[in-house]
Amino acid sequence: MAVKDNPKIYFWASFFGSISFLVPVLTLFYLHRGLTLSDILILFVIDVVFSLIFEVPTGTFADKYGHKASLIVSQLIFILSIVLLIFAFDKWMFYLIAALVGISTTFHSGVKDALIYESLEEIGKKHTMSKVWGKITSAPQIALAIAVIFGAYIAKDLTEMQFIIVIVLGIVFSLVKLGLLFKLTTPKSHELSRLIHPYEHLKEGFRFIRKSPYFLMAIGQMFIYIPFWAFREMAQPFLTNAGVAVMWFGLIYALSYLFVYFVLNKIEWFENKFKTKTLIYSIAILNLVAFLAAAFLGNILIVALIVFVALFVLRRLRTPIMTQVANDYITKSRSTVLSLFSGLDSLFDIMIIGTLAGLATISLPIVFIGCAVFILIGLFFPVRLASEVKS
C-alpha cells in the first residue's frame, strides 16, 4: 500500500469501525443497567478527564512512533472497553469503561486527521482536506444507517440478552477495523518528525498555542460544539418524552445518517456556495436556535424530530470544515499540537458537561437552555482563517 491509499483505507476502517448496533439504544442500555441521566453525563466527564490526562503523552507518542501505531493502540483499547460492557453492572465498571474510552480517544484524536492531511500534502492535494475528510466522515453514516435499524430491532424489548447480542456484533466489526488499520502507510514527512525529541514536539505545540490566532477561535468553537455531546446523551429520552416509540429509533437514526452522508459528500458545494466563515457562524446560530426549540417546544413531536435531525447533521457538517481550518494553521509537530488542543478541549468539556450534568438533575429543558447559553458565549469569540492571517 502507498500513502495515496491512506484516505481510501481509512474510509473503510471508519466504515466498519462505526457499525454499532448499540447506538440507537445506548442511553436506554445505561438506564437498564441502573444508571441515571446524571450518571450518564458523569461518564462523559470521566471520559474527558482521562482524555485530558493522556492527551499530551499520546500526541507525542504519535509524532515519535507514527500515526499508524497510535491508531492501532487506540483501537485495541477501544475493543477492550466494548468487551467490558458485557460485564458492567456496577457504576465502577462503567467508570472504568469511560476511562478506557477516554484513553483510546487520545491515541487517535488529532492523529487520524493529521495522517490524512500529511498524506494529501505528500501528493500535493492538501487543499482538498475538507472534501476528503468530508467523505471519510460520511463513511460511518451509511454503516450506522444500516446498523441502527437492526440494532433497534434486535434490542426492541430492551432485554439483557438483546443488549449482549448488539454488543458482541459491535466487537466483531471493531476487529475488522483493526485489521484495516494495519494496512495504513506512514507519510514520508513523518520520518523527520521521528528524529525530533518528544520535548521539542511539546515545546513547538505550546509555542503554537501561545502565538497563533487560532487559539481564541478554537476556544469559541469549544463553547459552540461541546453542547452537542450533551444532546447526544440526552437524545433518546428527549425523543421518548416527545412520544417517539423505541421501535422507531432505528428508522429515525438511519434516515438521519443517510441525510448526513448526502450533506458530507456535498461539502465542496457548501464551500463553493458560502464562505468558510459564513458556514462556521451559520452552523453556530442554527445550533442555538435548535437548542432553544428543544427547551421550549421539545414536547411537540414534529419539533423534536426536526431538532434531532438538525443537531445530528450540524455537528457532523462542522467537522470537515474545522479540520481543514485547524490543519491549515499547523506546520510542525501536527499530532502534538492537535493533541494539546484536544487537551484544552477536555478542560472545557469538564466545565461545560459538568455544569450540564448538574442541570440534568432538574430537567431536560434546563439542560438545553444551558447548552444555548454556552453557544451564545462562543459566538462572541473571533473567527480568523489562516489565509487571512498570512495576508
Protein backbone atom coordinates (compact mmCIF):
# COMPACT_ATOMS: atom_id res chain seq x y z
CA MET A 1 0.00 0.00 0.00
CA ALA A 2 1.16 3.56 -0.77
CA VAL A 3 0.50 6.80 1.07
CA LYS A 4 -2.03 7.81 -1.62
CA ASP A 5 -4.16 4.86 -0.49
CA ASN A 6 -4.45 6.10 3.11
CA PRO A 7 -7.69 8.09 2.59
CA LYS A 8 -9.37 5.08 0.97
CA ILE A 9 -8.14 2.64 3.63
CA TYR A 10 -9.18 4.93 6.47
CA PHE A 11 -12.57 5.44 4.81
CA TRP A 12 -13.25 1.71 5.06
CA ALA A 13 -11.71 1.44 8.52
CA SER A 14 -14.04 4.22 9.63
CA PHE A 15 -16.95 2.49 7.89
CA PHE A 16 -16.54 -0.87 9.63
CA GLY A 17 -15.47 0.65 12.94
CA SER A 18 -18.67 2.68 13.05
CA ILE A 19 -21.02 -0.28 12.74
CA SER A 20 -22.55 -0.23 16.20
CA PHE A 21 -25.87 -1.93 16.82
CA LEU A 22 -25.89 -0.48 20.34
CA VAL A 23 -26.03 3.19 19.29
CA PRO A 24 -29.83 3.58 18.91
CA VAL A 25 -30.41 2.17 22.40
CA LEU A 26 -27.17 3.11 24.20
CA THR A 27 -28.73 5.52 26.70
CA LEU A 28 -31.54 3.04 27.31
CA PHE A 29 -28.89 0.36 27.91
CA TYR A 30 -27.30 2.56 30.58
CA LEU A 31 -30.68 3.11 32.21
CA HIS A 32 -31.37 -0.64 32.00
CA ARG A 33 -28.13 -1.32 33.89
CA GLY A 34 -29.17 1.08 36.67
CA LEU A 35 -27.58 4.41 35.72
CA THR A 36 -29.42 7.74 35.90
CA LEU A 37 -29.32 10.56 33.33
CA SER A 38 -26.95 12.46 35.61
CA ASP A 39 -24.73 9.34 35.87
CA ILE A 40 -24.56 9.16 32.08
CA LEU A 41 -23.22 12.70 31.83
CA ILE A 42 -20.76 11.91 34.64
CA LEU A 43 -19.46 9.03 32.49
CA PHE A 44 -18.82 11.58 29.78
CA VAL A 45 -16.88 13.72 32.26
CA ILE A 46 -14.75 10.72 33.32
CA ASP A 47 -14.05 10.01 29.65
CA VAL A 48 -12.92 13.62 29.24
CA VAL A 49 -10.77 13.66 32.41
CA PHE A 50 -8.78 10.67 31.20
CA SER A 51 -8.56 12.20 27.75
CA LEU A 52 -7.05 15.28 29.37
CA ILE A 53 -4.53 13.26 31.41
CA PHE A 54 -3.29 11.21 28.45
CA GLU A 55 -3.70 13.75 25.64
CA VAL A 56 -0.18 15.18 25.56
CA PRO A 57 1.73 11.89 26.10
CA THR A 58 -0.24 10.17 23.34
CA GLY A 59 0.22 13.12 20.99
CA THR A 60 4.00 12.97 21.39
CA PHE A 61 3.76 9.17 21.03
CA ALA A 62 2.11 9.67 17.61
CA ASP A 63 4.74 12.19 16.50
CA LYS A 64 7.53 9.89 17.67
CA TYR A 65 6.28 6.43 16.66
CA GLY A 66 3.84 7.21 13.88
CA HIS A 67 0.15 7.76 13.21
CA LYS A 68 -0.39 4.11 12.31
CA ALA A 69 0.94 2.79 15.64
CA SER A 70 -1.14 5.31 17.55
CA LEU A 71 -4.35 4.37 15.72
CA ILE A 72 -3.76 0.66 16.30
CA VAL A 73 -3.22 1.15 20.04
CA SER A 74 -6.36 3.30 20.15
CA GLN A 75 -8.45 0.58 18.53
CA LEU A 76 -7.11 -2.17 20.81
CA ILE A 77 -8.08 -0.18 23.91
CA PHE A 78 -11.48 0.62 22.42
CA ILE A 79 -12.20 -3.06 21.73
CA LEU A 80 -11.36 -3.86 25.36
CA SER A 81 -13.84 -1.20 26.51
CA ILE A 82 -16.63 -2.76 24.43
CA VAL A 83 -15.88 -6.24 25.79
CA LEU A 84 -16.14 -4.90 29.35
CA LEU A 85 -19.64 -3.54 28.61
CA ILE A 86 -20.89 -7.13 28.69
CA PHE A 87 -19.84 -7.46 32.33
CA ALA A 88 -20.69 -3.94 33.52
CA PHE A 89 -23.46 -3.95 36.14
CA ASP A 90 -21.92 -1.64 38.77
CA LYS A 91 -21.12 2.04 38.40
CA TRP A 92 -17.41 1.48 38.97
CA MET A 93 -17.29 -0.80 35.90
CA PHE A 94 -18.89 1.90 33.78
CA TYR A 95 -16.39 4.38 35.22
CA LEU A 96 -13.54 2.07 34.15
CA ILE A 97 -15.01 1.73 30.66
CA ALA A 98 -15.38 5.50 30.36
CA ALA A 99 -11.73 5.89 31.39
CA LEU A 100 -10.61 3.39 28.74
CA VAL A 101 -12.67 5.14 26.07
CA GLY A 102 -11.04 8.43 27.09
CA ILE A 103 -7.55 6.93 26.77
CA SER A 104 -8.46 5.35 23.43
CA THR A 105 -9.68 8.71 22.18
CA THR A 106 -6.36 10.39 22.98
CA PHE A 107 -4.47 7.89 20.85
CA HIS A 108 -6.48 8.88 17.77
CA SER A 109 -7.51 12.49 18.47
CA GLY A 110 -5.57 14.73 16.14
CA VAL A 111 -3.81 11.68 14.68
CA LYS A 112 -6.34 10.50 12.11
CA ASP A 113 -6.78 13.92 10.52
CA ALA A 114 -3.01 14.58 10.76
CA LEU A 115 -2.38 11.31 8.91
CA ILE A 116 -4.80 12.21 6.11
CA TYR A 117 -3.62 15.83 5.85
CA GLU A 118 0.05 14.80 5.62
CA SER A 119 -0.83 12.05 3.13
CA LEU A 120 -2.60 14.61 0.93
CA GLU A 121 0.26 17.08 1.42
CA GLU A 122 2.73 14.46 0.16
CA ILE A 123 0.83 14.06 -3.11
CA GLY A 124 0.15 17.81 -3.47
CA LYS A 125 -3.53 17.77 -2.54
CA LYS A 126 -3.68 19.25 0.96
CA HIS A 127 -6.16 21.90 -0.23
CA THR A 128 -8.71 19.11 -0.69
CA MET A 129 -8.64 18.15 3.00
CA SER A 130 -12.18 19.30 3.80
CA LYS A 131 -13.55 17.42 0.77
CA VAL A 132 -11.61 14.23 1.55
CA TRP A 133 -12.34 14.44 5.27
CA GLY A 134 -15.99 15.03 4.46
CA LYS A 135 -16.05 11.76 2.52
CA ILE A 136 -14.23 9.92 5.31
CA THR A 137 -16.61 11.22 7.96
CA SER A 138 -19.51 10.28 5.70
CA ALA A 139 -18.42 6.63 5.83
CA PRO A 140 -19.88 5.97 9.30
CA GLN A 141 -23.22 7.41 8.23
CA ILE A 142 -24.02 4.57 5.81
CA ALA A 143 -22.69 1.98 8.25
CA LEU A 144 -24.71 3.37 11.12
CA ALA A 145 -27.81 3.86 8.97
CA ILE A 146 -27.82 0.11 8.44
CA ALA A 147 -26.72 -0.83 11.97
CA VAL A 148 -29.23 1.32 13.86
CA ILE A 149 -32.19 -0.26 12.10
CA PHE A 150 -31.05 -3.77 13.01
CA GLY A 151 -29.85 -2.64 16.45
CA ALA A 152 -33.17 -1.05 17.36
CA TYR A 153 -34.99 -4.13 16.09
CA ILE A 154 -32.74 -6.62 17.89
CA ALA A 155 -33.00 -4.68 21.19
CA LYS A 156 -36.63 -3.63 20.75
CA ASP A 157 -37.71 -5.25 24.04
CA LEU A 158 -34.69 -3.86 25.94
CA THR A 159 -33.87 -7.27 27.48
CA GLU A 160 -30.48 -8.30 28.81
CA MET A 161 -29.84 -10.91 26.10
CA GLN A 162 -30.74 -8.47 23.35
CA PHE A 163 -28.22 -5.94 24.68
CA ILE A 164 -25.50 -8.63 24.82
CA ILE A 165 -26.15 -9.57 21.18
CA VAL A 166 -25.76 -5.98 19.90
CA ILE A 167 -22.58 -5.52 21.95
CA VAL A 168 -20.96 -8.69 20.55
CA LEU A 169 -21.83 -7.70 16.99
CA GLY A 170 -20.08 -4.37 17.60
CA ILE A 171 -16.93 -6.19 18.75
CA VAL A 172 -16.81 -8.19 15.51
CA PHE A 173 -16.81 -5.10 13.30
CA SER A 174 -14.30 -3.32 15.54
CA LEU A 175 -11.91 -6.19 14.87
CA VAL A 176 -12.38 -5.67 11.13
CA LYS A 177 -11.38 -2.03 11.56
CA LEU A 178 -8.28 -3.10 13.48
CA GLY A 179 -7.20 -5.28 10.56
CA LEU A 180 -7.59 -2.38 8.11
CA LEU A 181 -5.52 -0.03 10.27
CA PHE A 182 -2.52 -2.33 9.80
CA LYS A 183 -2.67 -1.56 6.06
CA LEU A 184 -2.03 2.20 6.51
CA THR A 185 1.24 3.77 5.32
CA THR A 186 3.08 6.43 7.31
CA PRO A 187 3.75 9.61 5.22
CA LYS A 188 7.41 10.42 4.46
CA SER A 189 7.07 13.79 6.17
CA HIS A 190 6.74 11.90 9.43
CA GLU A 191 10.25 10.46 9.14
CA LEU A 192 11.72 13.84 10.08
CA SER A 193 9.29 14.04 12.99
CA ARG A 194 10.64 10.75 14.36
CA LEU A 195 14.10 12.30 14.74
CA ILE A 196 12.81 15.13 16.91
CA HIS A 197 12.84 14.64 20.69
CA PRO A 198 9.33 14.46 22.22
CA TYR A 199 10.18 17.52 24.33
CA GLU A 200 10.75 19.54 21.15
CA HIS A 201 7.35 18.48 19.80
CA LEU A 202 5.79 19.59 23.07
CA LYS A 203 7.71 22.86 23.04
CA GLU A 204 6.53 23.57 19.48
CA GLY A 205 2.97 22.77 20.48
CA PHE A 206 2.95 25.26 23.35
CA ARG A 207 4.63 27.89 21.15
CA PHE A 208 1.85 27.48 18.59
CA ILE A 209 -0.87 27.83 21.20
CA ARG A 210 0.78 30.90 22.69
CA LYS A 211 1.24 32.77 19.41
CA SER A 212 -1.38 31.53 16.96
CA PRO A 213 -4.59 33.50 16.29
CA TYR A 214 -6.27 30.09 16.05
CA PHE A 215 -6.18 29.85 19.87
CA LEU A 216 -9.11 32.21 20.58
CA MET A 217 -11.09 30.87 17.65
CA ALA A 218 -10.67 27.31 18.97
CA ILE A 219 -11.93 28.29 22.42
CA GLY A 220 -15.02 29.89 20.92
CA GLN A 221 -15.71 26.77 18.90
CA MET A 222 -15.44 24.64 22.05
CA PHE A 223 -18.30 26.59 23.63
CA ILE A 224 -20.32 26.02 20.46
CA TYR A 225 -19.79 22.31 19.77
CA ILE A 226 -19.35 20.75 23.23
CA PRO A 227 -23.12 21.04 23.96
CA PHE A 228 -23.60 18.62 21.06
CA TRP A 229 -22.20 15.84 23.26
CA ALA A 230 -24.76 16.55 25.97
CA PHE A 231 -27.55 16.33 23.41
CA ARG A 232 -26.15 13.05 22.09
CA GLU A 233 -26.54 11.52 25.55
CA MET A 234 -29.97 13.07 26.11
CA ALA A 235 -31.39 12.47 22.61
CA GLN A 236 -33.14 9.17 23.33
CA PRO A 237 -35.06 10.29 26.46
CA PHE A 238 -35.73 13.57 24.59
CA LEU A 239 -37.41 11.62 21.78
CA THR A 240 -39.36 9.34 24.12
CA ASN A 241 -40.62 12.39 26.05
CA ALA A 242 -41.96 13.72 22.74
CA GLY A 243 -43.88 10.49 22.17
CA VAL A 244 -41.49 8.56 19.89
CA ALA A 245 -41.61 4.80 20.46
CA VAL A 246 -38.29 2.94 20.84
CA MET A 247 -39.14 0.76 17.84
CA TRP A 248 -38.92 3.87 15.62
CA PHE A 249 -35.45 4.89 16.86
CA GLY A 250 -33.72 2.75 14.25
CA LEU A 251 -35.57 4.38 11.36
CA ILE A 252 -35.06 7.91 12.72
CA TYR A 253 -31.33 7.38 13.24
CA ALA A 254 -30.97 5.64 9.86
CA LEU A 255 -32.64 8.47 7.94
CA SER A 256 -30.51 11.00 9.83
CA TYR A 257 -27.31 9.13 8.97
CA LEU A 258 -28.30 8.95 5.30
CA PHE A 259 -29.02 12.68 5.30
CA VAL A 260 -25.60 13.34 6.85
CA TYR A 261 -23.96 11.11 4.24
CA PHE A 262 -25.53 13.22 1.48
CA VAL A 263 -24.53 16.51 3.13
CA LEU A 264 -20.90 15.47 3.78
CA ASN A 265 -20.46 14.31 0.20
CA LYS A 266 -21.62 17.76 -0.91
CA ILE A 267 -19.21 19.63 1.39
CA GLU A 268 -17.42 21.08 -1.64
CA TRP A 269 -20.73 22.57 -2.83
CA PHE A 270 -21.25 24.25 0.55
CA GLU A 271 -17.72 25.70 0.49
CA ASN A 272 -18.16 26.99 -3.07
CA LYS A 273 -21.57 28.46 -2.31
CA PHE A 274 -20.69 30.07 1.02
CA LYS A 275 -17.55 31.49 2.57
CA THR A 276 -15.95 29.35 5.28
CA LYS A 277 -16.56 31.96 7.98
CA THR A 278 -20.21 32.24 6.92
CA LEU A 279 -20.60 28.48 7.28
CA ILE A 280 -18.97 28.48 10.72
CA TYR A 281 -21.21 31.25 12.06
CA SER A 282 -24.35 29.84 10.39
CA ILE A 283 -23.83 26.42 11.96
CA ALA A 284 -23.40 28.02 15.39
CA ILE A 285 -26.55 30.14 15.10
CA LEU A 286 -28.62 27.20 13.87
CA ASN A 287 -27.36 25.20 16.86
CA LEU A 288 -28.51 27.95 19.18
CA VAL A 289 -31.99 28.02 17.63
CA ALA A 290 -32.26 24.22 17.77
CA PHE A 291 -31.43 24.05 21.47
CA LEU A 292 -33.91 26.79 22.32
CA ALA A 293 -36.58 24.92 20.35
CA ALA A 294 -35.69 21.72 22.24
CA ALA A 295 -36.02 23.55 25.56
CA PHE A 296 -39.35 25.27 24.95
CA LEU A 297 -41.09 23.19 22.28
CA GLY A 298 -39.44 19.80 22.66
CA ASN A 299 -42.64 18.09 23.80
CA ILE A 300 -44.14 18.64 20.33
CA LEU A 301 -43.38 15.60 18.20
CA ILE A 302 -42.62 17.35 14.90
CA VAL A 303 -40.42 19.93 16.64
CA ALA A 304 -38.50 17.21 18.49
CA LEU A 305 -37.84 15.34 15.24
CA ILE A 306 -36.65 18.49 13.43
CA VAL A 307 -34.36 19.41 16.34
CA PHE A 308 -32.91 15.90 16.48
CA VAL A 309 -32.11 15.81 12.76
CA ALA A 310 -30.81 19.40 12.72
CA LEU A 311 -28.36 18.86 15.58
CA PHE A 312 -27.45 15.44 14.18
CA VAL A 313 -26.46 16.98 10.84
CA LEU A 314 -24.92 20.24 12.04
CA ARG A 315 -22.45 18.50 14.38
CA ARG A 316 -21.13 16.43 11.51
CA LEU A 317 -21.14 19.23 8.95
CA ARG A 318 -18.79 21.38 11.03
CA THR A 319 -16.20 18.59 11.42
CA PRO A 320 -14.57 18.62 7.94
CA ILE A 321 -14.74 22.42 7.81
CA MET A 322 -12.97 22.90 11.14
CA THR A 323 -10.49 20.11 10.36
CA GLN A 324 -9.35 21.99 7.26
CA VAL A 325 -9.20 25.27 9.21
CA ALA A 326 -7.10 23.80 12.03
CA ASN A 327 -4.64 21.92 9.80
CA ASP A 328 -4.10 24.96 7.58
CA TYR A 329 -2.70 26.75 10.63
CA ILE A 330 -0.32 23.97 11.75
CA THR A 331 3.02 23.43 10.01
CA LYS A 332 5.08 21.42 12.54
CA SER A 333 4.51 18.74 15.24
CA ARG A 334 0.98 18.35 13.92
CA SER A 335 -0.15 15.46 16.16
CA THR A 336 1.22 17.10 19.31
CA VAL A 337 -0.36 20.48 18.51
CA LEU A 338 -3.73 18.88 17.78
CA SER A 339 -3.44 16.80 20.95
CA LEU A 340 -2.75 19.92 23.01
CA PHE A 341 -5.90 21.50 21.61
CA SER A 342 -7.77 18.29 22.40
CA GLY A 343 -6.45 18.57 25.95
CA LEU A 344 -7.70 22.14 26.14
CA ASP A 345 -10.99 20.91 24.72
CA SER A 346 -11.11 18.32 27.53
CA LEU A 347 -10.81 21.07 30.14
CA PHE A 348 -13.79 22.85 28.63
CA ASP A 349 -15.63 19.52 28.36
CA ILE A 350 -15.25 19.07 32.11
CA MET A 351 -16.51 22.57 32.80
CA ILE A 352 -19.40 22.57 30.33
CA ILE A 353 -20.58 18.96 30.56
CA GLY A 354 -20.06 19.01 34.33
CA THR A 355 -22.35 22.04 34.54
CA LEU A 356 -24.92 20.38 32.29
CA ALA A 357 -24.76 17.19 34.37
CA GLY A 358 -25.81 19.27 37.36
CA LEU A 359 -28.65 20.81 35.36
CA ALA A 360 -29.78 17.31 34.31
CA THR A 361 -30.88 16.68 37.90
CA ILE A 362 -33.50 19.40 37.37
CA SER A 363 -34.95 18.67 33.91
CA LEU A 364 -34.10 18.15 30.24
CA PRO A 365 -35.35 21.60 29.14
CA ILE A 366 -33.00 23.24 31.65
CA VAL A 367 -30.09 21.25 30.15
CA PHE A 368 -30.94 22.53 26.68
CA ILE A 369 -31.21 26.14 27.92
CA GLY A 370 -27.73 25.68 29.40
CA CYS A 371 -26.49 24.43 26.02
CA ALA A 372 -27.93 27.52 24.32
CA VAL A 373 -26.18 29.83 26.80
CA PHE A 374 -22.80 28.21 26.16
CA ILE A 375 -23.27 28.52 22.38
CA LEU A 376 -24.16 32.21 22.79
CA ILE A 377 -20.88 32.73 24.68
CA GLY A 378 -18.97 31.03 21.87
CA LEU A 379 -20.42 33.39 19.26
CA PHE A 380 -18.57 36.30 20.89
CA PHE A 381 -15.16 34.79 20.05
CA PRO A 382 -13.49 35.86 16.76
CA VAL A 383 -13.18 33.60 13.71
CA ARG A 384 -9.98 34.09 11.69
CA LEU A 385 -8.69 31.81 8.95
CA ALA A 386 -5.02 31.03 8.25
CA SER A 387 -5.28 32.67 4.82
CA GLU A 388 -6.41 35.94 6.42
CA VAL A 389 -3.53 35.92 8.89
CA LYS A 390 -0.92 35.25 6.19
CA SER A 391 -2.30 38.03 4.02
